[in-house]
Amino acid sequence: MLKKFVLSLIVVLFAIATDSHSQSISAYQLWNTPSFFRGFNFSYDSPASLQDLINLKASGATIVYLTTEGFLDEAAPYDTLRQNISDLDTRVGYCDAAGVRYALAVRRGPGRGDVYLQSVKLDPISSVWTNKSEQQLYGSMLRWMAARYASDTLFVGITPTTEPNPFSDNPANYCCVDTTEMLKFFSDSGVDFTAITQLWVDSIRAGSKNVPVLIQGPDYSDPDIFPLVPIVNDPYPVYEFHSYRPTSYAEAPTSNSVVYPGQYLNFIPPEEVTFDKAFIKDSVFRFVNAIEKETGAPIFLGEFGLELPQTGGPQFLTDISNIAIENGWAFAYWDWHTKTDSFWNYPKWGGGSWPAILASLVEGKSGVIENAPSTGGLIVSQSSTPGELSVYWPEMEQLGIAADVNIFDILGREVRTLTRNSSRFTMDISGLENGIYILTLRSGDAMAHTLIAGGR
């Protein structure tokens, strides 16, 4: 019964949560706040309900990256896809109702197929990279999409096209192991990747004056090819990369078949190396650091994770998220847990992967959760002493009786209990593990509660 009460309490608290800063703080300011945005991708069929967004916010996440199909068909005559518009409106509506900020990851449009579906031959080869009329039409679609949500203060970003692969349809490209060969392919194919991207960025800017534009590099926006990310002329760019390195670990086809840290093939240069946190940070991500230094713009690790549970998986997820946090990058896991199978479904696996993810979402935020709703007039603030909260419950002054103070984790387990006789008191939470907790106070028939964050 207690567990059911606490879980219901989480839902109620976050369902009524509001963001009082959304009008005064710009989206780009938030991208420039170190690791402010931490969250999940949502694939085409999710979120399935408002409850998904309430649960996501309860996890500590601050952003949802909505995968979306375009508003126009890929092939001539490029019909308007009313169902796609309706589906995205519904999902954006869930974000608005839950008070969750969102960005759009556009995967399709005139002349442009979904890169994953192309890889499994379910989408046609993209023609947009060499078809100027399709480039213009695709830009018009982006302008429409940006304008549609421009007035929504929770709309914080849009990428022109997800994982742009202008060369992915040429089998010879897969031999390429450095940026020089890829640049030569662009030149030989007549693809001006930077100019096309700039066209689309300008189109987005015509639809919204200030929505941040998330710029991805070619080859699935991999970190080792990040020197080829197009540097655009825009006041609000965010440079985004995706990382599934080492691929044979992150995307291994069977569970618990590979080990981290371990020996895997590196991409640039192509050699067997030991993948651990130090190697990923200093070698795999070194090109990302270079782009950050060159542009001074925010960096977004827009996709990473594990397709299936693997030995060392919690450490792998922790290492990647900690690298992002140490660099001040925003990040989003792929995928918010799926509904139908075990792929990318961290809560379903058991073990330490899901706790590791939850810990990364609230790392460095021990104490008061910004804008967490409270009941019963309860006021909780950060004490001047690290790891300590100041609590004021004015109702106790009228009741004149002691209050039982309890802290529960998100599974409904009581982790701390004490009694206080004063309406104002401090409490030490320094020993709590990383995570979201519910602070409750009871005095007679009166009760108050709010959310706090634990973190060593």
Protein backbone atom coordinates (compact mmCIF):
# COMPACT_ATOMS: atom_id res chain seq x y z
CA MET A 1 0.00 0.00 0.00
CA LEU A 2 2.85 2.38 0.88
CA LYS A 3 4.60 1.77 -2.44
CA LYS A 4 1.37 2.43 -4.34
CA PHE A 5 0.86 5.67 -2.40
CA VAL A 6 4.35 6.96 -3.10
CA LEU A 7 4.24 6.13 -6.82
CA SER A 8 0.84 7.85 -7.07
CA LEU A 9 2.32 10.83 -5.27
CA ILE A 10 5.08 11.15 -7.88
CA VAL A 11 2.50 11.23 -10.67
CA VAL A 12 0.37 13.85 -8.90
CA LEU A 13 3.32 16.07 -8.07
CA PHE A 14 4.69 16.15 -11.59
CA ALA A 15 1.29 16.39 -13.24
CA ILE A 16 0.74 19.72 -11.49
CA ALA A 17 4.30 20.97 -11.93
CA THR A 18 4.84 24.25 -13.77
CA ASP A 19 7.96 25.98 -15.00
CA SER A 20 8.04 29.55 -13.72
CA HIS A 21 11.27 30.34 -15.59
CA SER A 22 10.14 29.43 -19.11
CA GLN A 23 9.24 33.01 -19.98
CA SER A 24 12.38 34.66 -18.62
CA ILE A 25 15.14 32.23 -19.63
CA SER A 26 15.70 31.69 -23.34
CA ALA A 27 16.12 28.24 -24.82
CA TYR A 28 19.63 29.10 -25.96
CA GLN A 29 20.59 30.23 -22.47
CA LEU A 30 19.55 26.80 -21.24
CA TRP A 31 21.66 25.07 -23.92
CA ASN A 32 24.59 27.18 -22.70
CA THR A 33 23.98 26.11 -19.10
CA PRO A 34 26.35 23.17 -18.50
CA SER A 35 24.52 19.87 -18.94
CA PHE A 36 21.15 21.47 -18.20
CA PHE A 37 19.45 19.33 -20.82
CA ARG A 38 19.52 15.64 -19.86
CA GLY A 39 16.89 13.30 -21.20
CA PHE A 40 15.77 10.76 -23.75
CA ASN A 41 14.91 10.30 -27.40
CA PHE A 42 11.36 9.26 -28.17
CA SER A 43 11.00 7.20 -31.35
CA TYR A 44 8.11 7.45 -33.81
CA ASP A 45 5.51 5.62 -31.71
CA SER A 46 6.21 7.28 -28.38
CA PRO A 47 5.29 8.90 -26.13
CA ALA A 48 2.14 6.80 -26.21
CA SER A 49 0.45 8.81 -23.47
CA LEU A 50 0.73 11.79 -21.18
CA GLN A 51 1.80 9.37 -18.47
CA ASP A 52 5.02 8.70 -20.40
CA LEU A 53 5.96 12.36 -20.09
CA ILE A 54 4.99 12.50 -16.43
CA ASN A 55 7.18 9.45 -15.81
CA LEU A 56 10.03 10.99 -17.79
CA LYS A 57 9.92 14.20 -15.79
CA ALA A 58 9.77 12.18 -12.57
CA SER A 59 13.02 10.51 -13.63
CA GLY A 60 14.77 13.87 -13.45
CA ALA A 61 14.97 14.39 -17.22
CA THR A 62 14.75 17.96 -18.54
CA ILE A 63 14.27 17.30 -22.27
CA VAL A 64 12.60 14.90 -24.65
CA TYR A 65 13.96 14.62 -28.19
CA LEU A 66 10.97 13.80 -30.39
CA THR A 67 11.77 11.74 -33.47
CA THR A 68 9.37 12.90 -36.15
CA GLU A 69 8.61 12.27 -39.78
CA GLY A 70 8.32 15.29 -42.03
CA PHE A 71 5.15 17.13 -42.97
CA LEU A 72 5.71 16.48 -46.70
CA ASP A 73 6.05 13.17 -48.52
CA GLU A 74 9.48 12.01 -49.70
CA ALA A 75 8.45 11.50 -53.33
CA ALA A 76 6.79 13.73 -55.90
CA PRO A 77 4.26 15.28 -55.81
CA TYR A 78 5.37 15.72 -52.17
CA ASP A 79 1.91 15.57 -50.66
CA THR A 80 1.15 17.05 -47.25
CA LEU A 81 1.10 14.25 -44.67
CA ARG A 82 -1.78 15.24 -42.41
CA GLN A 83 -1.38 12.23 -40.16
CA ASN A 84 2.26 13.10 -39.44
CA ILE A 85 1.23 16.61 -38.44
CA SER A 86 -1.54 15.30 -36.20
CA ASP A 87 0.75 12.74 -34.57
CA LEU A 88 3.40 15.34 -33.78
CA ASP A 89 0.81 17.78 -32.45
CA THR A 90 -0.43 15.06 -30.08
CA ARG A 91 3.06 14.31 -28.78
CA VAL A 92 3.90 17.99 -28.39
CA GLY A 93 0.62 18.32 -26.49
CA TYR A 94 1.79 15.69 -24.03
CA CYS A 95 5.00 17.67 -23.49
CA ASP A 96 3.03 20.85 -22.90
CA ALA A 97 0.66 19.17 -20.45
CA ALA A 98 3.54 17.68 -18.46
CA GLY A 99 5.71 20.81 -18.64
CA VAL A 100 8.60 19.05 -20.41
CA ARG A 101 10.85 20.86 -22.87
CA TYR A 102 11.23 19.21 -26.26
CA ALA A 103 13.29 19.33 -29.44
CA LEU A 104 12.42 17.87 -32.85
CA ALA A 105 14.57 15.32 -34.68
CA VAL A 106 13.35 15.45 -38.28
CA ARG A 107 14.07 12.25 -40.18
CA ARG A 108 12.11 12.52 -43.44
CA GLY A 109 11.04 15.02 -46.07
CA PRO A 110 11.13 15.75 -49.80
CA GLY A 111 13.89 13.61 -51.32
CA ARG A 112 15.07 12.45 -47.89
CA GLY A 113 14.40 9.01 -46.39
CA ASP A 114 14.89 7.82 -42.85
CA VAL A 115 18.53 6.81 -42.57
CA TYR A 116 17.83 3.69 -40.52
CA LEU A 117 15.03 2.54 -42.81
CA GLN A 118 17.35 3.11 -45.76
CA SER A 119 19.94 0.88 -44.13
CA VAL A 120 17.43 -1.99 -44.00
CA LYS A 121 16.10 -1.13 -47.49
CA LEU A 122 12.67 0.01 -46.29
CA ASP A 123 13.11 3.59 -47.49
CA PRO A 124 14.29 4.72 -50.94
CA ILE A 125 17.70 6.22 -51.58
CA SER A 126 17.80 9.94 -50.78
CA SER A 127 17.91 12.25 -53.79
CA VAL A 128 17.81 15.55 -51.89
CA TRP A 129 21.60 15.95 -51.74
CA THR A 130 21.91 16.56 -55.47
CA ASN A 131 18.39 17.83 -56.25
CA LYS A 132 18.21 21.59 -55.70
CA SER A 133 14.43 21.83 -56.03
CA GLU A 134 14.04 19.16 -53.34
CA GLN A 135 16.51 21.02 -51.14
CA GLN A 136 14.36 24.16 -51.42
CA LEU A 137 11.16 22.22 -50.76
CA TYR A 138 12.70 20.45 -47.78
CA GLY A 139 13.72 23.86 -46.42
CA SER A 140 10.15 25.11 -46.84
CA MET A 141 8.94 22.14 -44.81
CA LEU A 142 11.41 22.97 -42.03
CA ARG A 143 10.23 26.58 -42.01
CA TRP A 144 6.65 25.34 -41.62
CA MET A 145 7.59 22.99 -38.76
CA ALA A 146 9.58 25.66 -36.91
CA ALA A 147 6.80 28.22 -37.30
CA ARG A 148 4.15 25.79 -36.08
CA TYR A 149 5.71 25.53 -32.62
CA ALA A 150 7.62 28.82 -32.49
CA SER A 151 5.37 30.38 -29.83
CA ASP A 152 5.69 27.39 -27.49
CA THR A 153 8.23 28.23 -24.76
CA LEU A 154 8.87 24.50 -24.25
CA PHE A 155 10.09 24.13 -27.87
CA VAL A 156 13.86 24.34 -27.49
CA GLY A 157 15.38 22.95 -30.68
CA ILE A 158 15.06 21.38 -34.11
CA THR A 159 17.58 19.51 -36.23
CA PRO A 160 17.27 19.98 -40.00
CA THR A 161 17.73 16.27 -40.69
CA THR A 162 18.72 13.43 -38.41
CA GLU A 163 21.99 11.67 -39.21
CA PRO A 164 22.56 13.14 -42.66
CA ASN A 165 24.37 10.62 -44.86
CA PRO A 166 24.94 12.19 -48.27
CA PHE A 167 27.27 9.34 -49.17
CA SER A 168 25.58 6.39 -47.45
CA ASP A 169 24.15 4.96 -50.68
CA ASN A 170 27.55 4.53 -52.29
CA PRO A 171 29.03 1.17 -51.23
CA ALA A 172 32.53 2.44 -51.94
CA ASN A 173 32.16 4.94 -49.12
CA TYR A 174 32.27 2.27 -46.48
CA CYS A 175 35.98 1.89 -47.10
CA CYS A 176 36.47 5.47 -45.93
CA VAL A 177 38.40 5.68 -42.70
CA ASP A 178 39.26 9.35 -42.57
CA THR A 179 37.74 12.73 -43.30
CA THR A 180 39.93 13.35 -46.34
CA GLU A 181 38.35 10.46 -48.22
CA MET A 182 34.88 11.63 -47.22
CA LEU A 183 35.54 15.18 -48.36
CA LYS A 184 36.73 13.80 -51.69
CA PHE A 185 33.50 11.84 -52.00
CA PHE A 186 31.49 15.02 -51.40
CA SER A 187 33.49 16.81 -54.07
CA ASP A 188 33.23 13.99 -56.62
CA SER A 189 29.49 13.70 -56.02
CA GLY A 190 28.79 17.42 -56.32
CA VAL A 191 27.44 17.60 -52.76
CA ASP A 192 28.00 20.90 -50.93
CA PHE A 193 27.01 19.63 -47.52
CA THR A 194 27.66 22.90 -45.72
CA ALA A 195 25.69 24.98 -48.22
CA ILE A 196 22.71 22.62 -48.04
CA THR A 197 22.77 22.71 -44.25
CA GLN A 198 22.98 26.50 -44.25
CA LEU A 199 19.98 26.68 -46.58
CA TRP A 200 17.97 24.58 -44.14
CA VAL A 201 19.14 26.55 -41.12
CA ASP A 202 18.08 29.77 -42.83
CA SER A 203 14.71 28.19 -43.58
CA ILE A 204 14.23 27.30 -39.92
CA ARG A 205 15.20 30.82 -38.94
CA ALA A 206 12.50 32.17 -41.26
CA GLY A 207 9.98 30.09 -39.32
CA SER A 208 11.27 30.97 -35.86
CA LYS A 209 13.51 33.88 -34.91
CA ASN A 210 15.19 32.20 -31.98
CA VAL A 211 14.65 28.44 -31.79
CA PRO A 212 18.07 26.75 -31.45
CA VAL A 213 19.11 24.68 -34.47
CA LEU A 214 20.80 21.35 -33.75
CA ILE A 215 23.50 20.75 -36.34
CA GLN A 216 24.64 17.18 -37.00
CA GLY A 217 27.61 15.93 -38.96
CA PRO A 218 27.62 13.23 -41.64
CA ASP A 219 28.02 9.48 -41.15
CA TYR A 220 25.35 9.21 -38.43
CA SER A 221 26.96 12.25 -36.79
CA ASP A 222 29.62 9.96 -35.33
CA PRO A 223 32.18 11.61 -33.01
CA ASP A 224 35.17 10.46 -35.06
CA ILE A 225 33.81 12.20 -38.19
CA PHE A 226 32.85 15.37 -36.34
CA PRO A 227 35.46 17.50 -38.15
CA LEU A 228 33.03 17.36 -41.10
CA VAL A 229 30.13 18.89 -39.19
CA PRO A 230 29.03 21.97 -41.18
CA ILE A 231 29.84 25.17 -39.30
CA VAL A 232 26.83 27.39 -39.93
CA ASN A 233 26.20 31.12 -39.78
CA ASP A 234 23.46 31.43 -37.17
CA PRO A 235 23.05 33.08 -33.76
CA TYR A 236 21.65 29.97 -32.05
CA PRO A 237 23.54 26.84 -33.16
CA VAL A 238 23.99 23.69 -31.09
CA TYR A 239 26.40 21.10 -32.50
CA GLU A 240 25.13 17.58 -32.04
CA PHE A 241 26.87 14.24 -32.25
CA HIS A 242 25.79 10.64 -31.68
CA SER A 243 27.96 7.93 -30.23
CA TYR A 244 27.65 4.18 -30.34
CA ARG A 245 31.38 3.61 -29.99
CA PRO A 246 32.50 0.89 -29.76
CA THR A 247 29.70 -0.24 -32.06
CA SER A 248 30.32 -3.94 -31.51
CA TYR A 249 29.64 -3.36 -27.82
CA ALA A 250 26.84 -0.78 -27.89
CA GLU A 251 24.92 -2.57 -30.64
CA ALA A 252 25.87 -6.21 -29.98
CA PRO A 253 23.06 -8.45 -31.34
CA THR A 254 22.79 -10.70 -28.27
CA SER A 255 22.63 -9.94 -24.56
CA ASN A 256 25.62 -10.30 -22.23
CA SER A 257 27.90 -11.39 -25.07
CA VAL A 258 30.48 -8.60 -24.80
CA VAL A 259 32.35 -6.87 -21.99
CA TYR A 260 33.22 -3.29 -21.05
CA PRO A 261 35.93 -2.14 -20.61
CA GLY A 262 37.35 -4.28 -23.37
CA GLN A 263 39.25 -4.60 -26.64
CA TYR A 264 37.37 -3.34 -29.70
CA LEU A 265 38.09 -1.94 -33.14
CA ASN A 266 38.52 1.81 -33.17
CA PHE A 267 37.33 3.71 -36.26
CA ILE A 268 39.98 6.43 -36.65
CA PRO A 269 42.64 5.14 -36.76
CA PRO A 270 41.39 1.57 -37.46
CA GLU A 271 43.08 -0.49 -34.77
CA GLU A 272 42.23 -2.71 -31.80
CA VAL A 273 42.32 -0.70 -28.58
CA THR A 274 41.03 -0.93 -25.04
CA PHE A 275 37.84 1.06 -24.76
CA ASP A 276 37.40 2.62 -21.34
CA LYS A 277 36.35 6.04 -20.10
CA ALA A 278 39.77 7.60 -20.65
CA PHE A 279 40.05 6.36 -24.24
CA ILE A 280 36.51 7.44 -25.16
CA LYS A 281 37.00 10.87 -23.61
CA ASP A 282 40.48 11.62 -24.92
CA SER A 283 40.50 9.78 -28.26
CA VAL A 284 37.00 9.06 -29.58
CA PHE A 285 35.57 12.42 -28.51
CA ARG A 286 38.63 14.54 -29.27
CA PHE A 287 37.10 15.87 -32.50
CA VAL A 288 34.00 17.00 -30.60
CA ASN A 289 36.21 18.96 -28.24
CA ALA A 290 37.88 20.60 -31.23
CA ILE A 291 34.55 21.76 -32.68
CA GLU A 292 33.46 23.08 -29.30
CA LYS A 293 36.69 25.06 -29.03
CA GLU A 294 36.40 26.35 -32.60
CA THR A 295 32.77 27.48 -32.39
CA GLY A 296 32.21 28.22 -28.70
CA ALA A 297 28.72 26.80 -29.20
CA PRO A 298 26.90 24.28 -26.98
CA ILE A 299 27.44 20.57 -27.63
CA PHE A 300 24.68 17.96 -27.53
CA LEU A 301 25.31 14.23 -27.27
CA GLY A 302 21.97 13.54 -28.92
CA GLU A 303 22.06 9.74 -29.03
CA PHE A 304 23.93 7.07 -27.09
CA GLY A 305 23.18 3.96 -25.10
CA LEU A 306 22.99 0.17 -25.22
CA GLU A 307 20.79 -1.87 -27.51
CA LEU A 308 20.78 -4.84 -25.13
CA PRO A 309 22.11 -5.48 -21.60
CA GLN A 310 25.81 -6.30 -21.56
CA THR A 311 28.49 -7.09 -18.98
CA GLY A 312 29.77 -3.76 -17.71
CA GLY A 313 26.77 -1.94 -19.19
CA PRO A 314 26.03 0.24 -16.13
CA GLN A 315 29.66 1.37 -16.08
CA PHE A 316 29.58 2.09 -19.82
CA LEU A 317 26.45 4.25 -19.49
CA THR A 318 27.89 6.00 -16.44
CA ASP A 319 31.21 6.69 -18.19
CA ILE A 320 29.56 8.23 -21.26
CA SER A 321 27.14 10.40 -19.28
CA ASN A 322 29.91 11.48 -16.90
CA ILE A 323 32.09 12.54 -19.84
CA ALA A 324 29.20 14.70 -21.06
CA ILE A 325 28.69 16.18 -17.59
CA GLU A 326 32.41 16.85 -17.10
CA ASN A 327 32.44 18.72 -20.42
CA GLY A 328 29.17 20.54 -19.74
CA TRP A 329 27.43 18.90 -22.72
CA ALA A 330 23.72 18.22 -22.93
CA PHE A 331 22.80 14.59 -23.56
CA ALA A 332 19.89 12.31 -24.45
CA TYR A 333 19.76 8.53 -24.26
CA TRP A 334 18.41 6.46 -27.12
CA ASP A 335 15.61 5.38 -26.55
CA TRP A 336 13.01 6.08 -23.91
CA HIS A 337 12.25 2.50 -22.96
CA THR A 338 10.28 0.73 -25.67
CA LYS A 339 6.91 -0.88 -25.07
CA THR A 340 7.15 -4.13 -27.02
CA ASP A 341 10.60 -5.68 -26.68
CA SER A 342 13.88 -5.63 -24.78
CA PHE A 343 15.86 -3.42 -27.19
CA TRP A 344 16.90 -0.13 -25.55
CA ASN A 345 14.55 -1.01 -22.69
CA TYR A 346 16.67 -0.30 -19.62
CA PRO A 347 13.99 -0.68 -16.90
CA LYS A 348 12.99 -4.07 -18.29
CA TRP A 349 16.50 -5.51 -18.08
CA GLY A 350 16.91 -5.32 -14.33
CA GLY A 351 20.40 -4.97 -12.92
CA GLY A 352 22.19 -1.66 -12.73
CA SER A 353 21.58 0.00 -16.10
CA TRP A 354 18.39 1.86 -15.23
CA PRO A 355 19.68 3.09 -11.83
CA ALA A 356 22.84 4.30 -13.59
CA ILE A 357 20.74 6.30 -16.03
CA LEU A 358 18.55 7.78 -13.30
CA ALA A 359 21.67 8.77 -11.37
CA SER A 360 23.09 10.59 -14.41
CA LEU A 361 19.92 12.65 -14.80
CA VAL A 362 20.16 14.13 -11.33
CA GLU A 363 23.96 14.11 -10.85
CA GLY A 364 25.17 17.32 -9.32
CA LYS A 365 21.63 18.32 -8.31
CA SER A 366 21.55 17.02 -4.77
CA GLY A 367 18.95 18.81 -2.68
CA VAL A 368 16.13 20.96 -3.95
CA ILE A 369 14.67 20.19 -7.38
CA GLU A 370 14.00 23.43 -9.22
CA ASN A 371 10.25 24.14 -9.50
CA ALA A 372 9.22 20.89 -7.78
CA PRO A 373 5.63 21.42 -6.59
CA SER A 374 4.88 21.19 -2.87
CA THR A 375 1.66 20.65 -0.95
CA GLY A 376 0.42 21.87 2.41
CA GLY A 377 2.42 25.10 2.26
CA LEU A 378 5.69 23.18 2.63
CA ILE A 379 8.80 25.23 1.78
CA VAL A 380 12.11 23.44 1.18
CA SER A 381 15.28 25.32 0.30
CA GLN A 382 18.97 24.64 0.01
CA SER A 383 20.85 25.23 3.25
CA SER A 384 24.17 27.03 3.27
CA THR A 385 25.68 23.74 4.43
CA PRO A 386 26.32 21.30 1.52
CA GLY A 387 24.09 18.24 1.63
CA GLU A 388 21.60 19.89 3.96
CA LEU A 389 18.06 21.17 3.40
CA SER A 390 16.17 23.90 5.23
CA VAL A 391 12.53 22.91 5.81
CA TYR A 392 9.65 25.17 6.85
CA TRP A 393 6.12 23.84 7.34
CA PRO A 394 4.02 26.72 8.71
CA GLU A 395 1.05 24.44 9.39
CA MET A 396 2.98 22.88 12.28
CA GLU A 397 2.84 26.20 14.12
CA GLN A 398 -0.95 25.92 14.25
CA LEU A 399 -1.04 22.21 15.02
CA GLY A 400 1.42 22.45 17.90
CA ILE A 401 2.39 18.79 17.64
CA ALA A 402 5.47 17.00 16.35
CA ALA A 403 5.81 15.95 12.73
CA ASP A 404 7.01 12.62 11.38
CA VAL A 405 9.45 13.26 8.53
CA ASN A 406 10.03 10.51 5.97
CA ILE A 407 12.00 10.17 2.75
CA PHE A 408 11.00 7.54 0.16
CA ASP A 409 12.78 6.53 -3.02
CA ILE A 410 10.92 6.28 -6.33
CA LEU A 411 10.14 2.61 -5.68
CA GLY A 412 8.30 3.51 -2.48
CA ARG A 413 10.98 2.30 -0.08
CA GLU A 414 11.49 4.32 3.08
CA VAL A 415 15.13 5.40 3.26
CA ARG A 416 15.04 7.85 6.15
CA THR A 417 12.72 8.73 9.03
CA LEU A 418 12.90 11.24 11.88
CA THR A 419 10.70 13.38 14.11
CA ARG A 420 10.78 17.15 14.43
CA ASN A 421 9.05 19.42 16.98
CA SER A 422 9.65 22.73 15.23
CA SER A 423 8.08 24.11 12.07
CA ARG A 424 11.56 25.15 10.93
CA PHE A 425 14.41 22.68 10.86
CA THR A 426 17.33 21.43 8.82
CA MET A 427 17.94 17.88 7.67
CA ASP A 428 21.03 16.13 6.38
CA ILE A 429 20.58 14.28 3.04
CA SER A 430 24.26 13.91 2.19
CA GLY A 431 24.15 10.13 2.49
CA LEU A 432 21.45 9.60 -0.11
CA GLU A 433 22.38 7.93 -3.38
CA ASN A 434 21.83 9.78 -6.67
CA GLY A 435 18.13 9.79 -7.51
CA ILE A 436 14.72 11.37 -7.01
CA TYR A 437 13.12 11.11 -3.56
CA ILE A 438 9.80 12.10 -1.97
CA LEU A 439 9.96 14.10 1.24
CA THR A 440 6.79 13.77 3.34
CA LEU A 441 5.74 15.37 6.62
CA ARG A 442 2.82 14.17 8.77
CA SER A 443 1.41 15.85 11.87
CA GLY A 444 -1.87 14.46 13.10
CA ASP A 445 -4.18 14.37 10.08
CA ALA A 446 -2.18 16.98 8.17
CA MET A 447 0.33 16.04 5.49
CA ALA A 448 2.72 17.81 3.14
CA HIS A 449 5.16 16.55 0.52
CA THR A 450 7.56 17.56 -2.21
CA LEU A 451 10.40 16.11 -4.28
CA ILE A 452 14.12 16.30 -3.53
CA ALA A 453 17.23 14.98 -5.26
CA GLY A 454 19.82 12.78 -3.62
CA GLY A 455 23.42 12.73 -4.69
CA ARG A 456 26.72 12.02 -3.00
